[in-house]
Amino acid sequence: MKKIVTLLAVLIMLVLPACSAPTTVADPVVEELVDEAYPVVEEPVVEEPVVEKQVTIDYAQNFTLEYKDG
């Protein structure tokens, strides 16, 4: 009986710390220093020009095809 009580006490002592939520302390001074040391840099958006493929004509006749800006 004494062994069972001791075993239960040891198991409870091992299991209870696993049930607690981790504690984190947010320090605004540290967060400000981190923000200054590692600023967020936004990459510029580069728009690639739209390149249209030119059409090759195999079988049609008697018409013209012109490519213009826009």
PDB file of N, CA and C in Angstrom:
ATOM      1  N   MET A   1       0.831  -1.191   0.000  1.00  0.00           N
ATOM      2  CA  MET A   1       0.000   0.000   0.000  1.00  0.00           C
ATOM      3  C   MET A   1       0.870   1.247   0.000  1.00  0.00           C
ATOM      4  N   LYS A   2       1.968   1.213   0.772  1.00  0.00           N
ATOM      5  CA  LYS A   2       2.851   2.363   0.866  1.00  0.00           C
ATOM      6  C   LYS A   2       3.561   2.596  -0.473  1.00  0.00           C
ATOM      7  N   LYS A   3       3.884   1.525  -1.184  1.00  0.00           N
ATOM      8  CA  LYS A   3       4.548   1.656  -2.480  1.00  0.00           C
ATOM      9  C   LYS A   3       3.611   2.299  -3.506  1.00  0.00           C
ATOM     10  N   ILE A   4       2.336   1.940  -3.454  1.00  0.00           N
ATOM     11  CA  ILE A   4       1.368   2.490  -4.398  1.00  0.00           C
ATOM     12  C   ILE A   4       1.195   3.988  -4.157  1.00  0.00           C
ATOM     13  N   VAL A   5       1.101   4.394  -2.926  1.00  0.00           N
ATOM     14  CA  VAL A   5       0.947   5.816  -2.591  1.00  0.00           C
ATOM     15  C   VAL A   5       2.177   6.588  -3.049  1.00  0.00           C
ATOM     16  N   THR A   6       3.353   6.042  -2.805  1.00  0.00           N
ATOM     17  CA  THR A   6       4.590   6.697  -3.227  1.00  0.00           C
ATOM     18  C   THR A   6       4.647   6.795  -4.758  1.00  0.00           C
ATOM     19  N   LEU A   7       4.273   5.723  -5.437  1.00  0.00           N
ATOM     20  CA  LEU A   7       4.266   5.723  -6.890  1.00  0.00           C
ATOM     21  C   LEU A   7       3.282   6.751  -7.444  1.00  0.00           C
ATOM     22  N   LEU A   8       2.097   6.829  -6.857  1.00  0.00           N
ATOM     23  CA  LEU A   8       1.114   7.821  -7.291  1.00  0.00           C
ATOM     24  C   LEU A   8       1.623   9.238  -7.045  1.00  0.00           C
ATOM     25  N   ALA A   9       2.255   9.466  -5.937  1.00  0.00           N
ATOM     26  CA  ALA A   9       2.783  10.801  -5.632  1.00  0.00           C
ATOM     27  C   ALA A   9       3.856  11.196  -6.648  1.00  0.00           C
ATOM     28  N   VAL A  10       4.728  10.269  -6.996  1.00  0.00           N
ATOM     29  CA  VAL A  10       5.778  10.554  -7.977  1.00  0.00           C
ATOM     30  C   VAL A  10       5.164  10.825  -9.350  1.00  0.00           C
ATOM     31  N   LEU A  11       4.178  10.046  -9.745  1.00  0.00           N
ATOM     32  CA  LEU A  11       3.522  10.255 -11.029  1.00  0.00           C
ATOM     33  C   LEU A  11       2.819  11.606 -11.085  1.00  0.00           C
ATOM     34  N   ILE A  12       2.163  11.972 -10.023  1.00  0.00           N
ATOM     35  CA  ILE A  12       1.478  13.268  -9.976  1.00  0.00           C
ATOM     36  C   ILE A  12       2.493  14.400 -10.072  1.00  0.00           C
ATOM     37  N   MET A  13       3.612  14.261  -9.407  1.00  0.00           N
ATOM     38  CA  MET A  13       4.643  15.302  -9.446  1.00  0.00           C
ATOM     39  C   MET A  13       5.252  15.418 -10.847  1.00  0.00           C
ATOM     40  N   LEU A  14       5.300  14.324 -11.599  1.00  0.00           N
ATOM     41  CA  LEU A  14       5.838  14.372 -12.950  1.00  0.00           C
ATOM     42  C   LEU A  14       4.828  14.912 -13.962  1.00  0.00           C
ATOM     43  N   VAL A  15       3.548  14.639 -13.745  1.00  0.00           N
ATOM     44  CA  VAL A  15       2.518  15.001 -14.709  1.00  0.00           C
ATOM     45  C   VAL A  15       2.058  16.449 -14.537  1.00  0.00           C
ATOM     46  N   LEU A  16       1.950  16.944 -13.341  1.00  0.00           N
ATOM     47  CA  LEU A  16       1.411  18.289 -13.114  1.00  0.00           C
ATOM     48  C   LEU A  16       2.209  19.398 -13.794  1.00  0.00           C
ATOM     49  N   PRO A  17       3.521  19.402 -13.800  1.00  0.00           N
ATOM     50  CA  PRO A  17       4.231  20.478 -14.505  1.00  0.00           C
ATOM     51  C   PRO A  17       3.966  20.476 -16.013  1.00  0.00           C
ATOM     52  N   ALA A  18       3.665  19.342 -16.580  1.00  0.00           N
ATOM     53  CA  ALA A  18       3.390  19.278 -18.010  1.00  0.00           C
ATOM     54  C   ALA A  18       2.040  19.900 -18.348  1.00  0.00           C
ATOM     55  N   CYS A  19       1.151  20.045 -17.372  1.00  0.00           N
ATOM     56  CA  CYS A  19      -0.173  20.589 -17.618  1.00  0.00           C
ATOM     57  C   CYS A  19      -0.194  22.115 -17.572  1.00  0.00           C
ATOM     58  N   SER A  20       0.807  22.733 -17.032  1.00  0.00           N
ATOM     59  CA  SER A  20       0.783  24.193 -16.909  1.00  0.00           C
ATOM     60  C   SER A  20       1.165  24.840 -18.229  1.00  0.00           C
ATOM     61  N   ALA A  21       0.598  26.021 -18.476  1.00  0.00           N
ATOM     62  CA  ALA A  21       0.889  26.761 -19.702  1.00  0.00           C
ATOM     63  C   ALA A  21       2.255  27.426 -19.567  1.00  0.00           C
ATOM     64  N   PRO A  22       2.988  27.529 -20.651  1.00  0.00           N
ATOM     65  CA  PRO A  22       4.292  28.193 -20.576  1.00  0.00           C
ATOM     66  C   PRO A  22       4.103  29.685 -20.301  1.00  0.00           C
ATOM     67  N   THR A  23       4.966  30.218 -19.497  1.00  0.00           N
ATOM     68  CA  THR A  23       4.860  31.629 -19.157  1.00  0.00           C
ATOM     69  C   THR A  23       5.852  32.421 -19.993  1.00  0.00           C
ATOM     70  N   THR A  24       5.340  33.441 -20.657  1.00  0.00           N
ATOM     71  CA  THR A  24       6.191  34.326 -21.430  1.00  0.00           C
ATOM     72  C   THR A  24       5.930  35.744 -20.967  1.00  0.00           C
ATOM     73  N   VAL A  25       6.974  36.490 -20.791  1.00  0.00           N
ATOM     74  CA  VAL A  25       6.852  37.870 -20.364  1.00  0.00           C
ATOM     75  C   VAL A  25       7.250  38.749 -21.541  1.00  0.00           C
ATOM     76  N   ALA A  26       6.319  39.566 -21.981  1.00  0.00           N
ATOM     77  CA  ALA A  26       6.600  40.466 -23.094  1.00  0.00           C
ATOM     78  C   ALA A  26       7.174  41.758 -22.534  1.00  0.00           C
ATOM     79  N   ASP A  27       8.411  42.022 -22.851  1.00  0.00           N
ATOM     80  CA  ASP A  27       9.079  43.230 -22.400  1.00  0.00           C
ATOM     81  C   ASP A  27       9.080  44.224 -23.558  1.00  0.00           C
ATOM     82  N   PRO A  28       8.369  45.355 -23.445  1.00  0.00           N
ATOM     83  CA  PRO A  28       8.298  46.292 -24.561  1.00  0.00           C
ATOM     84  C   PRO A  28       9.655  46.872 -24.948  1.00  0.00           C
ATOM     85  N   VAL A  29      10.568  47.007 -23.997  1.00  0.00           N
ATOM     86  CA  VAL A  29      11.887  47.553 -24.309  1.00  0.00           C
ATOM     87  C   VAL A  29      12.651  46.580 -25.193  1.00  0.00           C
ATOM     88  N   VAL A  30      12.591  45.308 -24.865  1.00  0.00           N
ATOM     89  CA  VAL A  30      13.285  44.293 -25.655  1.00  0.00           C
ATOM     90  C   VAL A  30      12.662  44.212 -27.045  1.00  0.00           C
ATOM     91  N   GLU A  31      11.325  44.253 -27.129  1.00  0.00           N
ATOM     92  CA  GLU A  31      10.666  44.194 -28.427  1.00  0.00           C
ATOM     93  C   GLU A  31      11.050  45.387 -29.287  1.00  0.00           C
ATOM     94  N   GLU A  32      11.159  46.567 -28.676  1.00  0.00           N
ATOM     95  CA  GLU A  32      11.546  47.764 -29.424  1.00  0.00           C
ATOM     96  C   GLU A  32      12.973  47.636 -29.944  1.00  0.00           C
ATOM     97  N   LEU A  33      13.864  47.095 -29.129  1.00  0.00           N
ATOM     98  CA  LEU A  33      15.247  46.907 -29.566  1.00  0.00           C
ATOM     99  C   LEU A  33      15.331  45.901 -30.700  1.00  0.00           C
ATOM    100  N   VAL A  34      14.532  44.855 -30.630  1.00  0.00           N
ATOM    101  CA  VAL A  34      14.529  43.854 -31.684  1.00  0.00           C
ATOM    102  C   VAL A  34      13.992  44.471 -32.969  1.00  0.00           C
ATOM    103  N   ASP A  35      12.926  45.289 -32.865  1.00  0.00           N
ATOM    104  CA  ASP A  35      12.370  45.932 -34.050  1.00  0.00           C
ATOM    105  C   ASP A  35      13.383  46.874 -34.696  1.00  0.00           C
ATOM    106  N   GLU A  36      14.165  47.571 -33.887  1.00  0.00           N
ATOM    107  CA  GLU A  36      15.166  48.474 -34.428  1.00  0.00           C
ATOM    108  C   GLU A  36      16.331  47.702 -35.049  1.00  0.00           C
ATOM    109  N   ALA A  37      16.704  46.600 -34.446  1.00  0.00           N
ATOM    110  CA  ALA A  37      17.839  45.824 -34.946  1.00  0.00           C
ATOM    111  C   ALA A  37      17.483  45.084 -36.234  1.00  0.00           C
ATOM    112  N   TYR A  38      16.247  44.637 -36.346  1.00  0.00           N
ATOM    113  CA  TYR A  38      15.805  43.885 -37.514  1.00  0.00           C
ATOM    114  C   TYR A  38      14.558  44.539 -38.103  1.00  0.00           C
ATOM    115  N   PRO A  39      14.728  45.657 -38.807  1.00  0.00           N
ATOM    116  CA  PRO A  39      13.545  46.315 -39.371  1.00  0.00           C
ATOM    117  C   PRO A  39      12.928  45.487 -40.495  1.00  0.00           C
ATOM    118  N   VAL A  40      11.638  45.638 -40.651  1.00  0.00           N
ATOM    119  CA  VAL A  40      10.936  44.918 -41.702  1.00  0.00           C
ATOM    120  C   VAL A  40      11.159  45.665 -43.013  1.00  0.00           C
ATOM    121  N   VAL A  41      11.726  44.974 -43.965  1.00  0.00           N
ATOM    122  CA  VAL A  41      12.012  45.578 -45.268  1.00  0.00           C
ATOM    123  C   VAL A  41      11.072  44.966 -46.287  1.00  0.00           C
ATOM    124  N   GLU A  42      10.275  45.833 -46.901  1.00  0.00           N
ATOM    125  CA  GLU A  42       9.356  45.345 -47.917  1.00  0.00           C
ATOM    126  C   GLU A  42      10.057  45.381 -49.263  1.00  0.00           C
ATOM    127  N   GLU A  43       9.976  44.278 -49.966  1.00  0.00           N
ATOM    128  CA  GLU A  43      10.602  44.201 -51.270  1.00  0.00           C
ATOM    129  C   GLU A  43       9.734  44.933 -52.284  1.00  0.00           C
ATOM    130  N   PRO A  44      10.355  45.706 -53.158  1.00  0.00           N
ATOM    131  CA  PRO A  44       9.552  46.417 -54.158  1.00  0.00           C
ATOM    132  C   PRO A  44       8.912  45.438 -55.144  1.00  0.00           C
ATOM    133  N   VAL A  45       7.712  45.785 -55.546  1.00  0.00           N
ATOM    134  CA  VAL A  45       6.987  44.940 -56.482  1.00  0.00           C
ATOM    135  C   VAL A  45       7.438  45.309 -57.889  1.00  0.00           C
ATOM    136  N   VAL A  46       7.968  44.348 -58.581  1.00  0.00           N
ATOM    137  CA  VAL A  46       8.450  44.567 -59.940  1.00  0.00           C
ATOM    138  C   VAL A  46       7.462  43.911 -60.893  1.00  0.00           C
ATOM    139  N   GLU A  47       6.854  44.757 -61.709  1.00  0.00           N
ATOM    140  CA  GLU A  47       5.913  44.221 -62.686  1.00  0.00           C
ATOM    141  C   GLU A  47       6.671  43.846 -63.952  1.00  0.00           C
ATOM    142  N   GLU A  48       6.505  42.619 -64.347  1.00  0.00           N
ATOM    143  CA  GLU A  48       7.173  42.158 -65.549  1.00  0.00           C
ATOM    144  C   GLU A  48       6.350  42.575 -66.764  1.00  0.00           C
ATOM    145  N   PRO A  49       7.007  43.026 -67.811  1.00  0.00           N
ATOM    146  CA  PRO A  49       6.255  43.421 -69.004  1.00  0.00           C
ATOM    147  C   PRO A  49       5.580  42.217 -69.644  1.00  0.00           C
ATOM    148  N   VAL A  50       4.406  42.462 -70.171  1.00  0.00           N
ATOM    149  CA  VAL A  50       3.655  41.401 -70.816  1.00  0.00           C
ATOM    150  C   VAL A  50       4.218  41.208 -72.214  1.00  0.00           C
ATOM    151  N   VAL A  51       4.682  40.013 -72.472  1.00  0.00           N
ATOM    152  CA  VAL A  51       5.242  39.697 -73.778  1.00  0.00           C
ATOM    153  C   VAL A  51       4.261  38.785 -74.498  1.00  0.00           C
ATOM    154  N   GLU A  52       3.747  39.299 -75.608  1.00  0.00           N
ATOM    155  CA  GLU A  52       2.804  38.508 -76.378  1.00  0.00           C
ATOM    156  C   GLU A  52       3.553  37.749 -77.474  1.00  0.00           C
ATOM    157  N   LYS A  53       3.182  36.522 -77.648  1.00  0.00           N
ATOM    158  CA  LYS A  53       3.793  35.734 -78.710  1.00  0.00           C
ATOM    159  C   LYS A  53       3.224  36.160 -80.049  1.00  0.00           C
ATOM    160  N   GLN A  54       4.071  36.192 -81.027  1.00  0.00           N
ATOM    161  CA  GLN A  54       3.580  36.488 -82.360  1.00  0.00           C
ATOM    162  C   GLN A  54       3.051  35.206 -82.988  1.00  0.00           C
ATOM    163  N   VAL A  55       2.005  35.388 -83.751  1.00  0.00           N
ATOM    164  CA  VAL A  55       1.312  34.255 -84.353  1.00  0.00           C
ATOM    165  C   VAL A  55       1.994  33.899 -85.668  1.00  0.00           C
ATOM    166  N   THR A  56       2.171  32.633 -85.882  1.00  0.00           N
ATOM    167  CA  THR A  56       2.662  32.178 -87.185  1.00  0.00           C
ATOM    168  C   THR A  56       1.477  31.667 -87.989  1.00  0.00           C
ATOM    169  N   ILE A  57       1.439  32.048 -89.222  1.00  0.00           N
ATOM    170  CA  ILE A  57       0.311  31.684 -90.076  1.00  0.00           C
ATOM    171  C   ILE A  57       0.784  30.604 -91.043  1.00  0.00           C
ATOM    172  N   ASP A  58       0.098  29.481 -91.001  1.00  0.00           N
ATOM    173  CA  ASP A  58       0.518  28.356 -91.825  1.00  0.00           C
ATOM    174  C   ASP A  58      -0.306  28.206 -93.111  1.00  0.00           C
ATOM    175  N   TYR A  59      -1.637  28.341 -93.024  1.00  0.00           N
ATOM    176  CA  TYR A  59      -2.474  27.973 -94.156  1.00  0.00           C
ATOM    177  C   TYR A  59      -3.282  29.134 -94.725  1.00  0.00           C
ATOM    178  N   ALA A  60      -3.482  30.233 -93.977  1.00  0.00           N
ATOM    179  CA  ALA A  60      -4.350  31.321 -94.441  1.00  0.00           C
ATOM    180  C   ALA A  60      -3.637  32.163 -95.492  1.00  0.00           C
ATOM    181  N   GLN A  61      -4.436  32.822 -96.345  1.00  0.00           N
ATOM    182  CA  GLN A  61      -3.894  33.666 -97.403  1.00  0.00           C
ATOM    183  C   GLN A  61      -4.751  34.918 -97.542  1.00  0.00           C
ATOM    184  N   ASN A  62      -4.197  35.961 -98.190  1.00  0.00           N
ATOM    185  CA  ASN A  62      -4.906  37.170 -98.566  1.00  0.00           C
ATOM    186  C   ASN A  62      -5.364  38.008 -97.361  1.00  0.00           C
ATOM    187  N   PHE A  63      -4.553  38.138 -96.337  1.00  0.00           N
ATOM    188  CA  PHE A  63      -4.835  39.081 -95.259  1.00  0.00           C
ATOM    189  C   PHE A  63      -3.510  39.485 -94.627  1.00  0.00           C
ATOM    190  N   THR A  64      -3.540  40.574 -93.834  1.00  0.00           N
ATOM    191  CA  THR A  64      -2.329  41.045 -93.167  1.00  0.00           C
ATOM    192  C   THR A  64      -2.544  41.050 -91.666  1.00  0.00           C
ATOM    193  N   LEU A  65      -1.495  40.886 -90.959  1.00  0.00           N
ATOM    194  CA  LEU A  65      -1.534  40.882 -89.503  1.00  0.00           C
ATOM    195  C   LEU A  65      -0.488  41.865 -89.024  1.00  0.00           C
ATOM    196  N   GLU A  66      -0.942  42.903 -88.277  1.00  0.00           N
ATOM    197  CA  GLU A  66      -0.037  43.951 -87.827  1.00  0.00           C
ATOM    198  C   GLU A  66       0.034  43.943 -86.297  1.00  0.00           C
ATOM    199  N   TYR A  67       1.215  44.155 -85.766  1.00  0.00           N
ATOM    200  CA  TYR A  67       1.417  44.270 -84.318  1.00  0.00           C
ATOM    201  C   TYR A  67       1.700  45.723 -83.986  1.00  0.00           C
ATOM    202  N   LYS A  68       0.928  46.291 -83.061  1.00  0.00           N
ATOM    203  CA  LYS A  68       1.104  47.682 -82.649  1.00  0.00           C
ATOM    204  C   LYS A  68       1.157  47.739 -81.134  1.00  0.00           C
ATOM    205  N   ASP A  69       1.632  48.891 -80.617  1.00  0.00           N
ATOM    206  CA  ASP A  69       1.682  49.067 -79.161  1.00  0.00           C
ATOM    207  C   ASP A  69       0.274  49.052 -78.589  1.00  0.00           C
ATOM    208  N   GLY A  70       0.092  48.337 -77.510  1.00  0.00           N
ATOM    209  CA  GLY A  70      -1.198  48.300 -76.833  1.00  0.00           C
ATOM    210  C   GLY A  70      -2.088  47.277 -77.428  1.00  0.00           C
TER     211      GLY A  70
END
